[in-house]
Amino acid sequence: MPYKMISIGTGINDPLGVSTRTYTIDEEIPNTPEWVDTVGKNFVRTGQAIEIQGNEPIPMIKNEINDTPSDTEPREEKQSKKSKHIFSK
């Protein structure tokens, strides 16, 4: 699977590892040839890249709990109990 850079990183630029270059944010690294795949795996291991699974759209399904689409942040539930303050009477 190809890789996508999420931060700036420096890696090799040829199969022998003689020259290096800077990989930029949002740059896609293919998984072929093998030496490029190794560069991508190293960036994923160090947290500078993520694996791209494909270009399929994310399905918008509603949550049964709060009717929020599944690709959004969950809502925080309000507490129903009143909290007691230290200085309250």
PDB file of N, CA and C in Angstrom:
ATOM      1  N   MET A   1       0.835  -1.176   0.000  1.00  0.00           N
ATOM      2  CA  MET A   1       0.000   0.000   0.000  1.00  0.00           C
ATOM      3  C   MET A   1       0.885   1.248   0.000  1.00  0.00           C
ATOM      4  N   PRO A   2       0.478   2.264  -0.717  1.00  0.00           N
ATOM      5  CA  PRO A   2       1.268   3.504  -0.721  1.00  0.00           C
ATOM      6  C   PRO A   2       1.182   4.210   0.632  1.00  0.00           C
ATOM      7  N   TYR A   3       2.041   5.190   0.797  1.00  0.00           N
ATOM      8  CA  TYR A   3       2.143   5.919   2.054  1.00  0.00           C
ATOM      9  C   TYR A   3       1.948   7.413   1.802  1.00  0.00           C
ATOM     10  N   LYS A   4       1.456   8.126   2.811  1.00  0.00           N
ATOM     11  CA  LYS A   4       1.265   9.566   2.705  1.00  0.00           C
ATOM     12  C   LYS A   4       1.977  10.220   3.875  1.00  0.00           C
ATOM     13  N   MET A   5       2.800  11.209   3.570  1.00  0.00           N
ATOM     14  CA  MET A   5       3.561  11.905   4.594  1.00  0.00           C
ATOM     15  C   MET A   5       2.638  12.820   5.399  1.00  0.00           C
ATOM     16  N   ILE A   6       2.765  12.784   6.725  1.00  0.00           N
ATOM     17  CA  ILE A   6       1.986  13.664   7.586  1.00  0.00           C
ATOM     18  C   ILE A   6       2.889  14.679   8.288  1.00  0.00           C
ATOM     19  N   SER A   7       4.194  14.549   8.093  1.00  0.00           N
ATOM     20  CA  SER A   7       5.142  15.546   8.566  1.00  0.00           C
ATOM     21  C   SER A   7       6.353  15.525   7.635  1.00  0.00           C
ATOM     22  N   ILE A   8       7.193  16.521   7.731  1.00  0.00           N
ATOM     23  CA  ILE A   8       8.370  16.601   6.871  1.00  0.00           C
ATOM     24  C   ILE A   8       9.417  15.620   7.374  1.00  0.00           C
ATOM     25  N   GLY A   9      10.033  14.869   6.453  1.00  0.00           N
ATOM     26  CA  GLY A   9      11.049  13.902   6.845  1.00  0.00           C
ATOM     27  C   GLY A   9      12.129  13.782   5.791  1.00  0.00           C
ATOM     28  N   THR A  10      13.294  13.319   6.198  1.00  0.00           N
ATOM     29  CA  THR A  10      14.408  13.119   5.286  1.00  0.00           C
ATOM     30  C   THR A  10      14.635  11.621   5.128  1.00  0.00           C
ATOM     31  N   GLY A  11      14.772  11.194   3.872  1.00  0.00           N
ATOM     32  CA  GLY A  11      14.995   9.782   3.590  1.00  0.00           C
ATOM     33  C   GLY A  11      15.853   9.610   2.354  1.00  0.00           C
ATOM     34  N   ILE A  12      16.188   8.354   2.061  1.00  0.00           N
ATOM     35  CA  ILE A  12      17.051   8.099   0.915  1.00  0.00           C
ATOM     36  C   ILE A  12      16.312   8.388  -0.393  1.00  0.00           C
ATOM     37  N   ASN A  13      17.096   8.645  -1.440  1.00  0.00           N
ATOM     38  CA  ASN A  13      16.529   9.035  -2.721  1.00  0.00           C
ATOM     39  C   ASN A  13      16.946   8.087  -3.850  1.00  0.00           C
ATOM     40  N   ASP A  14      17.695   7.038  -3.541  1.00  0.00           N
ATOM     41  CA  ASP A  14      18.128   6.090  -4.568  1.00  0.00           C
ATOM     42  C   ASP A  14      18.254   4.708  -3.942  1.00  0.00           C
ATOM     43  N   PRO A  15      18.309   3.675  -4.773  1.00  0.00           N
ATOM     44  CA  PRO A  15      18.329   2.305  -4.232  1.00  0.00           C
ATOM     45  C   PRO A  15      19.566   1.985  -3.389  1.00  0.00           C
ATOM     46  N   LEU A  16      20.677   2.654  -3.619  1.00  0.00           N
ATOM     47  CA  LEU A  16      21.899   2.380  -2.862  1.00  0.00           C
ATOM     48  C   LEU A  16      21.972   3.180  -1.560  1.00  0.00           C
ATOM     49  N   GLY A  17      21.129   4.174  -1.405  1.00  0.00           N
ATOM     50  CA  GLY A  17      21.128   4.999  -0.210  1.00  0.00           C
ATOM     51  C   GLY A  17      22.239   6.027  -0.182  1.00  0.00           C
ATOM     52  N   VAL A  18      22.754   6.366  -1.357  1.00  0.00           N
ATOM     53  CA  VAL A  18      23.860   7.317  -1.446  1.00  0.00           C
ATOM     54  C   VAL A  18      23.377   8.752  -1.253  1.00  0.00           C
ATOM     55  N   SER A  19      22.224   9.094  -1.833  1.00  0.00           N
ATOM     56  CA  SER A  19      21.714  10.455  -1.723  1.00  0.00           C
ATOM     57  C   SER A  19      20.414  10.466  -0.918  1.00  0.00           C
ATOM     58  N   THR A  20      20.151  11.610  -0.283  1.00  0.00           N
ATOM     59  CA  THR A  20      18.927  11.769   0.493  1.00  0.00           C
ATOM     60  C   THR A  20      18.137  12.952  -0.045  1.00  0.00           C
ATOM     61  N   ARG A  21      16.882  13.030   0.375  1.00  0.00           N
ATOM     62  CA  ARG A  21      16.050  14.165   0.005  1.00  0.00           C
ATOM     63  C   ARG A  21      15.012  14.380   1.083  1.00  0.00           C
ATOM     64  N   THR A  22      14.364  15.531   1.032  1.00  0.00           N
ATOM     65  CA  THR A  22      13.322  15.868   1.992  1.00  0.00           C
ATOM     66  C   THR A  22      11.964  15.509   1.404  1.00  0.00           C
ATOM     67  N   TYR A  23      11.216  14.709   2.138  1.00  0.00           N
ATOM     68  CA  TYR A  23       9.852  14.350   1.755  1.00  0.00           C
ATOM     69  C   TYR A  23       8.928  15.338   2.463  1.00  0.00           C
ATOM     70  N   THR A  24       7.976  15.929   1.721  1.00  0.00           N
ATOM     71  CA  THR A  24       7.127  16.985   2.262  1.00  0.00           C
ATOM     72  C   THR A  24       5.771  16.440   2.724  1.00  0.00           C
ATOM     73  N   ILE A  25       5.052  17.260   3.456  1.00  0.00           N
ATOM     74  CA  ILE A  25       3.721  16.890   3.947  1.00  0.00           C
ATOM     75  C   ILE A  25       2.788  16.686   2.756  1.00  0.00           C
ATOM     76  N   ASP A  26       1.928  15.696   2.844  1.00  0.00           N
ATOM     77  CA  ASP A  26       0.945  15.293   1.823  1.00  0.00           C
ATOM     78  C   ASP A  26       1.578  14.650   0.599  1.00  0.00           C
ATOM     79  N   GLU A  27       2.865  14.409   0.607  1.00  0.00           N
ATOM     80  CA  GLU A  27       3.505  13.713  -0.516  1.00  0.00           C
ATOM     81  C   GLU A  27       3.190  12.228  -0.414  1.00  0.00           C
ATOM     82  N   GLU A  28       2.859  11.617  -1.549  1.00  0.00           N
ATOM     83  CA  GLU A  28       2.561  10.192  -1.576  1.00  0.00           C
ATOM     84  C   GLU A  28       3.795   9.421  -1.999  1.00  0.00           C
ATOM     85  N   ILE A  29       4.107   8.375  -1.244  1.00  0.00           N
ATOM     86  CA  ILE A  29       5.251   7.516  -1.534  1.00  0.00           C
ATOM     87  C   ILE A  29       4.692   6.189  -2.034  1.00  0.00           C
ATOM     88  N   PRO A  30       5.045   5.776  -3.260  1.00  0.00           N
ATOM     89  CA  PRO A  30       4.519   4.515  -3.781  1.00  0.00           C
ATOM     90  C   PRO A  30       5.132   3.320  -3.056  1.00  0.00           C
ATOM     91  N   ASN A  31       4.556   2.139  -3.269  1.00  0.00           N
ATOM     92  CA  ASN A  31       5.087   0.951  -2.609  1.00  0.00           C
ATOM     93  C   ASN A  31       5.948   0.097  -3.541  1.00  0.00           C
ATOM     94  N   THR A  32       6.274   0.605  -4.698  1.00  0.00           N
ATOM     95  CA  THR A  32       7.198  -0.080  -5.602  1.00  0.00           C
ATOM     96  C   THR A  32       8.190   0.947  -6.113  1.00  0.00           C
ATOM     97  N   PRO A  33       9.396   0.660  -6.332  1.00  0.00           N
ATOM     98  CA  PRO A  33      10.134  -0.574  -6.074  1.00  0.00           C
ATOM     99  C   PRO A  33      10.342  -0.820  -4.578  1.00  0.00           C
ATOM    100  N   GLU A  34      10.995  -1.916  -4.263  1.00  0.00           N
ATOM    101  CA  GLU A  34      11.123  -2.355  -2.876  1.00  0.00           C
ATOM    102  C   GLU A  34      11.832  -1.339  -1.978  1.00  0.00           C
ATOM    103  N   TRP A  35      12.855  -0.659  -2.480  1.00  0.00           N
ATOM    104  CA  TRP A  35      13.586   0.296  -1.638  1.00  0.00           C
ATOM    105  C   TRP A  35      12.719   1.499  -1.267  1.00  0.00           C
ATOM    106  N   VAL A  36      11.805   1.901  -2.172  1.00  0.00           N
ATOM    107  CA  VAL A  36      10.882   3.009  -1.873  1.00  0.00           C
ATOM    108  C   VAL A  36       9.857   2.557  -0.832  1.00  0.00           C
ATOM    109  N   ASP A  37       9.419   1.294  -0.928  1.00  0.00           N
ATOM    110  CA  ASP A  37       8.489   0.739   0.050  1.00  0.00           C
ATOM    111  C   ASP A  37       9.133   0.720   1.436  1.00  0.00           C
ATOM    112  N   THR A  38      10.414   0.392   1.493  1.00  0.00           N
ATOM    113  CA  THR A  38      11.138   0.395   2.770  1.00  0.00           C
ATOM    114  C   THR A  38      11.218   1.798   3.358  1.00  0.00           C
ATOM    115  N   VAL A  39      11.433   2.802   2.511  1.00  0.00           N
ATOM    116  CA  VAL A  39      11.443   4.193   2.978  1.00  0.00           C
ATOM    117  C   VAL A  39      10.083   4.538   3.576  1.00  0.00           C
ATOM    118  N   GLY A  40       9.006   4.189   2.885  1.00  0.00           N
ATOM    119  CA  GLY A  40       7.657   4.460   3.391  1.00  0.00           C
ATOM    120  C   GLY A  40       7.380   3.757   4.703  1.00  0.00           C
ATOM    121  N   LYS A  41       7.787   2.499   4.828  1.00  0.00           N
ATOM    122  CA  LYS A  41       7.571   1.751   6.072  1.00  0.00           C
ATOM    123  C   LYS A  41       8.331   2.390   7.231  1.00  0.00           C
ATOM    124  N   ASN A  42       9.546   2.878   6.966  1.00  0.00           N
ATOM    125  CA  ASN A  42      10.321   3.540   8.014  1.00  0.00           C
ATOM    126  C   ASN A  42       9.652   4.835   8.469  1.00  0.00           C
ATOM    127  N   PHE A  43       9.074   5.584   7.524  1.00  0.00           N
ATOM    128  CA  PHE A  43       8.361   6.804   7.897  1.00  0.00           C
ATOM    129  C   PHE A  43       7.114   6.472   8.725  1.00  0.00           C
ATOM    130  N   VAL A  44       6.423   5.385   8.390  1.00  0.00           N
ATOM    131  CA  VAL A  44       5.251   4.973   9.174  1.00  0.00           C
ATOM    132  C   VAL A  44       5.699   4.565  10.576  1.00  0.00           C
ATOM    133  N   ARG A  45       6.788   3.817  10.667  1.00  0.00           N
ATOM    134  CA  ARG A  45       7.297   3.357  11.957  1.00  0.00           C
ATOM    135  C   ARG A  45       7.679   4.518  12.872  1.00  0.00           C
ATOM    136  N   THR A  46       8.217   5.602  12.296  1.00  0.00           N
ATOM    137  CA  THR A  46       8.616   6.762  13.092  1.00  0.00           C
ATOM    138  C   THR A  46       7.490   7.777  13.276  1.00  0.00           C
ATOM    139  N   GLY A  47       6.311   7.522  12.697  1.00  0.00           N
ATOM    140  CA  GLY A  47       5.170   8.407  12.879  1.00  0.00           C
ATOM    141  C   GLY A  47       5.142   9.596  11.941  1.00  0.00           C
ATOM    142  N   GLN A  48       5.913   9.555  10.859  1.00  0.00           N
ATOM    143  CA  GLN A  48       5.943  10.664   9.915  1.00  0.00           C
ATOM    144  C   GLN A  48       5.055  10.428   8.701  1.00  0.00           C
ATOM    145  N   ALA A  49       4.499   9.219   8.555  1.00  0.00           N
ATOM    146  CA  ALA A  49       3.640   8.894   7.413  1.00  0.00           C
ATOM    147  C   ALA A  49       2.554   7.931   7.864  1.00  0.00           C
ATOM    148  N   ILE A  50       1.518   7.810   7.023  1.00  0.00           N
ATOM    149  CA  ILE A  50       0.446   6.845   7.252  1.00  0.00           C
ATOM    150  C   ILE A  50       0.275   6.016   5.996  1.00  0.00           C
ATOM    151  N   GLU A  51      -0.300   4.818   6.149  1.00  0.00           N
ATOM    152  CA  GLU A  51      -0.593   3.992   4.985  1.00  0.00           C
ATOM    153  C   GLU A  51      -1.897   4.454   4.361  1.00  0.00           C
ATOM    154  N   ILE A  52      -1.924   4.491   3.043  1.00  0.00           N
ATOM    155  CA  ILE A  52      -3.141   4.854   2.324  1.00  0.00           C
ATOM    156  C   ILE A  52      -3.835   3.563   1.927  1.00  0.00           C
ATOM    157  N   GLN A  53      -5.085   3.403   2.332  1.00  0.00           N
ATOM    158  CA  GLN A  53      -5.820   2.181   2.065  1.00  0.00           C
ATOM    159  C   GLN A  53      -6.474   2.176   0.686  1.00  0.00           C
ATOM    160  N   GLY A  54      -6.678   3.309   0.085  1.00  0.00           N
ATOM    161  CA  GLY A  54      -7.335   3.392  -1.211  1.00  0.00           C
ATOM    162  C   GLY A  54      -8.118   4.679  -1.322  1.00  0.00           C
ATOM    163  N   ASN A  55      -8.765   4.859  -2.434  1.00  0.00           N
ATOM    164  CA  ASN A  55      -9.516   6.088  -2.669  1.00  0.00           C
ATOM    165  C   ASN A  55     -11.012   5.886  -2.521  1.00  0.00           C
ATOM    166  N   GLU A  56     -11.426   4.875  -1.785  1.00  0.00           N
ATOM    167  CA  GLU A  56     -12.850   4.649  -1.588  1.00  0.00           C
ATOM    168  C   GLU A  56     -13.415   5.694  -0.633  1.00  0.00           C
ATOM    169  N   PRO A  57     -14.604   6.217  -0.905  1.00  0.00           N
ATOM    170  CA  PRO A  57     -15.188   7.212  -0.007  1.00  0.00           C
ATOM    171  C   PRO A  57     -15.594   6.583   1.326  1.00  0.00           C
ATOM    172  N   ILE A  58     -15.589   7.388   2.374  1.00  0.00           N
ATOM    173  CA  ILE A  58     -16.006   6.921   3.692  1.00  0.00           C
ATOM    174  C   ILE A  58     -17.526   6.936   3.731  1.00  0.00           C
ATOM    175  N   PRO A  59     -18.152   5.811   4.064  1.00  0.00           N
ATOM    176  CA  PRO A  59     -19.617   5.793   4.091  1.00  0.00           C
ATOM    177  C   PRO A  59     -20.159   6.636   5.238  1.00  0.00           C
ATOM    178  N   MET A  60     -21.261   7.324   4.975  1.00  0.00           N
ATOM    179  CA  MET A  60     -21.899   8.162   5.985  1.00  0.00           C
ATOM    180  C   MET A  60     -23.056   7.371   6.583  1.00  0.00           C
ATOM    181  N   ILE A  61     -22.794   6.656   7.666  1.00  0.00           N
ATOM    182  CA  ILE A  61     -23.841   5.906   8.326  1.00  0.00           C
ATOM    183  C   ILE A  61     -24.172   6.583   9.645  1.00  0.00           C
ATOM    184  N   LYS A  62     -25.427   6.574  10.010  1.00  0.00           N
ATOM    185  CA  LYS A  62     -25.827   7.222  11.250  1.00  0.00           C
ATOM    186  C   LYS A  62     -25.607   6.271  12.419  1.00  0.00           C
ATOM    187  N   ASN A  63     -25.177   6.848  13.503  1.00  0.00           N
ATOM    188  CA  ASN A  63     -25.006   6.117  14.744  1.00  0.00           C
ATOM    189  C   ASN A  63     -26.373   5.852  15.341  1.00  0.00           C
ATOM    190  N   GLU A  64     -26.588   4.691  15.910  1.00  0.00           N
ATOM    191  CA  GLU A  64     -27.871   4.403  16.542  1.00  0.00           C
ATOM    192  C   GLU A  64     -28.042   5.185  17.840  1.00  0.00           C
ATOM    193  N   ILE A  65     -26.934   5.589  18.444  1.00  0.00           N
ATOM    194  CA  ILE A  65     -26.993   6.228  19.755  1.00  0.00           C
ATOM    195  C   ILE A  65     -27.442   7.679  19.665  1.00  0.00           C
ATOM    196  N   ASN A  66     -26.780   8.482  18.800  1.00  0.00           N
ATOM    197  CA  ASN A  66     -27.080   9.910  18.827  1.00  0.00           C
ATOM    198  C   ASN A  66     -27.310  10.517  17.449  1.00  0.00           C
ATOM    199  N   ASP A  67     -27.548   9.731  16.434  1.00  0.00           N
ATOM    200  CA  ASP A  67     -27.850  10.180  15.079  1.00  0.00           C
ATOM    201  C   ASP A  67     -26.773  11.080  14.470  1.00  0.00           C
ATOM    202  N   THR A  68     -25.539  10.943  14.914  1.00  0.00           N
ATOM    203  CA  THR A  68     -24.425  11.683  14.345  1.00  0.00           C
ATOM    204  C   THR A  68     -23.754  10.782  13.317  1.00  0.00           C
ATOM    205  N   PRO A  69     -23.407  11.282  12.133  1.00  0.00           N
ATOM    206  CA  PRO A  69     -22.694  10.440  11.172  1.00  0.00           C
ATOM    207  C   PRO A  69     -21.421   9.880  11.789  1.00  0.00           C
ATOM    208  N   SER A  70     -21.031   8.685  11.365  1.00  0.00           N
ATOM    209  CA  SER A  70     -19.933   7.972  12.003  1.00  0.00           C
ATOM    210  C   SER A  70     -18.572   8.605  11.781  1.00  0.00           C
ATOM    211  N   ASP A  71     -18.420   9.504  10.805  1.00  0.00           N
ATOM    212  CA  ASP A  71     -17.103  10.074  10.545  1.00  0.00           C
ATOM    213  C   ASP A  71     -16.889  11.419  11.236  1.00  0.00           C
ATOM    214  N   THR A  72     -17.766  11.788  12.171  1.00  0.00           N
ATOM    215  CA  THR A  72     -17.593  13.036  12.904  1.00  0.00           C
ATOM    216  C   THR A  72     -17.241  12.738  14.352  1.00  0.00           C
ATOM    217  N   GLU A  73     -16.848  13.746  15.064  1.00  0.00           N
ATOM    218  CA  GLU A  73     -16.490  13.581  16.465  1.00  0.00           C
ATOM    219  C   GLU A  73     -17.738  13.290  17.291  1.00  0.00           C
ATOM    220  N   PRO A  74     -17.625  12.390  18.272  1.00  0.00           N
ATOM    221  CA  PRO A  74     -18.793  12.103  19.112  1.00  0.00           C
ATOM    222  C   PRO A  74     -19.117  13.267  20.027  1.00  0.00           C
ATOM    223  N   ARG A  75     -20.379  13.398  20.342  1.00  0.00           N
ATOM    224  CA  ARG A  75     -20.812  14.451  21.253  1.00  0.00           C
ATOM    225  C   ARG A  75     -20.556  14.007  22.687  1.00  0.00           C
ATOM    226  N   GLU A  76     -20.275  14.969  23.528  1.00  0.00           N
ATOM    227  CA  GLU A  76     -20.113  14.656  24.945  1.00  0.00           C
ATOM    228  C   GLU A  76     -21.483  14.720  25.609  1.00  0.00           C
ATOM    229  N   GLU A  77     -21.774  13.725  26.412  1.00  0.00           N
ATOM    230  CA  GLU A  77     -23.045  13.676  27.118  1.00  0.00           C
ATOM    231  C   GLU A  77     -22.963  14.565  28.351  1.00  0.00           C
ATOM    232  N   LYS A  78     -24.035  15.310  28.631  1.00  0.00           N
ATOM    233  CA  LYS A  78     -24.077  16.166  29.817  1.00  0.00           C
ATOM    234  C   LYS A  78     -24.352  15.309  31.042  1.00  0.00           C
ATOM    235  N   GLN A  79     -23.740  15.683  32.151  1.00  0.00           N
ATOM    236  CA  GLN A  79     -23.961  14.957  33.392  1.00  0.00           C
ATOM    237  C   GLN A  79     -25.294  15.384  33.985  1.00  0.00           C
ATOM    238  N   SER A  80     -26.072  14.410  34.432  1.00  0.00           N
ATOM    239  CA  SER A  80     -27.379  14.729  34.985  1.00  0.00           C
ATOM    240  C   SER A  80     -27.297  15.025  36.483  1.00  0.00           C
ATOM    241  N   LYS A  81     -26.226  14.605  37.144  1.00  0.00           N
ATOM    242  CA  LYS A  81     -26.086  14.849  38.570  1.00  0.00           C
ATOM    243  C   LYS A  81     -25.460  16.218  38.797  1.00  0.00           C
ATOM    244  N   LYS A  82     -25.933  16.898  39.819  1.00  0.00           N
ATOM    245  CA  LYS A  82     -25.331  18.172  40.169  1.00  0.00           C
ATOM    246  C   LYS A  82     -24.092  17.903  41.005  1.00  0.00           C
ATOM    247  N   SER A  83     -23.042  18.611  40.685  1.00  0.00           N
ATOM    248  CA  SER A  83     -21.819  18.429  41.468  1.00  0.00           C
ATOM    249  C   SER A  83     -21.879  19.316  42.705  1.00  0.00           C
ATOM    250  N   LYS A  84     -21.364  18.807  43.804  1.00  0.00           N
ATOM    251  CA  LYS A  84     -21.376  19.555  45.050  1.00  0.00           C
ATOM    252  C   LYS A  84     -20.109  20.399  45.100  1.00  0.00           C
ATOM    253  N   HIS A  85     -20.276  21.635  45.493  1.00  0.00           N
ATOM    254  CA  HIS A  85     -19.150  22.518  45.653  1.00  0.00           C
ATOM    255  C   HIS A  85     -18.672  22.446  47.108  1.00  0.00           C
ATOM    256  N   ILE A  86     -17.442  22.726  47.296  1.00  0.00           N
ATOM    257  CA  ILE A  86     -16.864  22.640  48.635  1.00  0.00           C
ATOM    258  C   ILE A  86     -17.464  23.694  49.559  1.00  0.00           C
ATOM    259  N   PHE A  87     -17.734  24.875  49.042  1.00  0.00           N
ATOM    260  CA  PHE A  87     -18.209  25.981  49.855  1.00  0.00           C
ATOM    261  C   PHE A  87     -19.732  26.163  49.819  1.00  0.00           C
ATOM    262  N   SER A  88     -20.453  25.225  49.245  1.00  0.00           N
ATOM    263  CA  SER A  88     -21.906  25.386  49.189  1.00  0.00           C
ATOM    264  C   SER A  88     -22.540  24.987  50.514  1.00  0.00           C
ATOM    265  N   LYS A  89     -23.716  25.545  50.805  1.00  0.00           N
ATOM    266  CA  LYS A  89     -24.398  25.270  52.069  1.00  0.00           C
ATOM    267  C   LYS A  89     -25.374  24.140  51.921  1.00  0.00           C
TER     268      LYS A  89
END
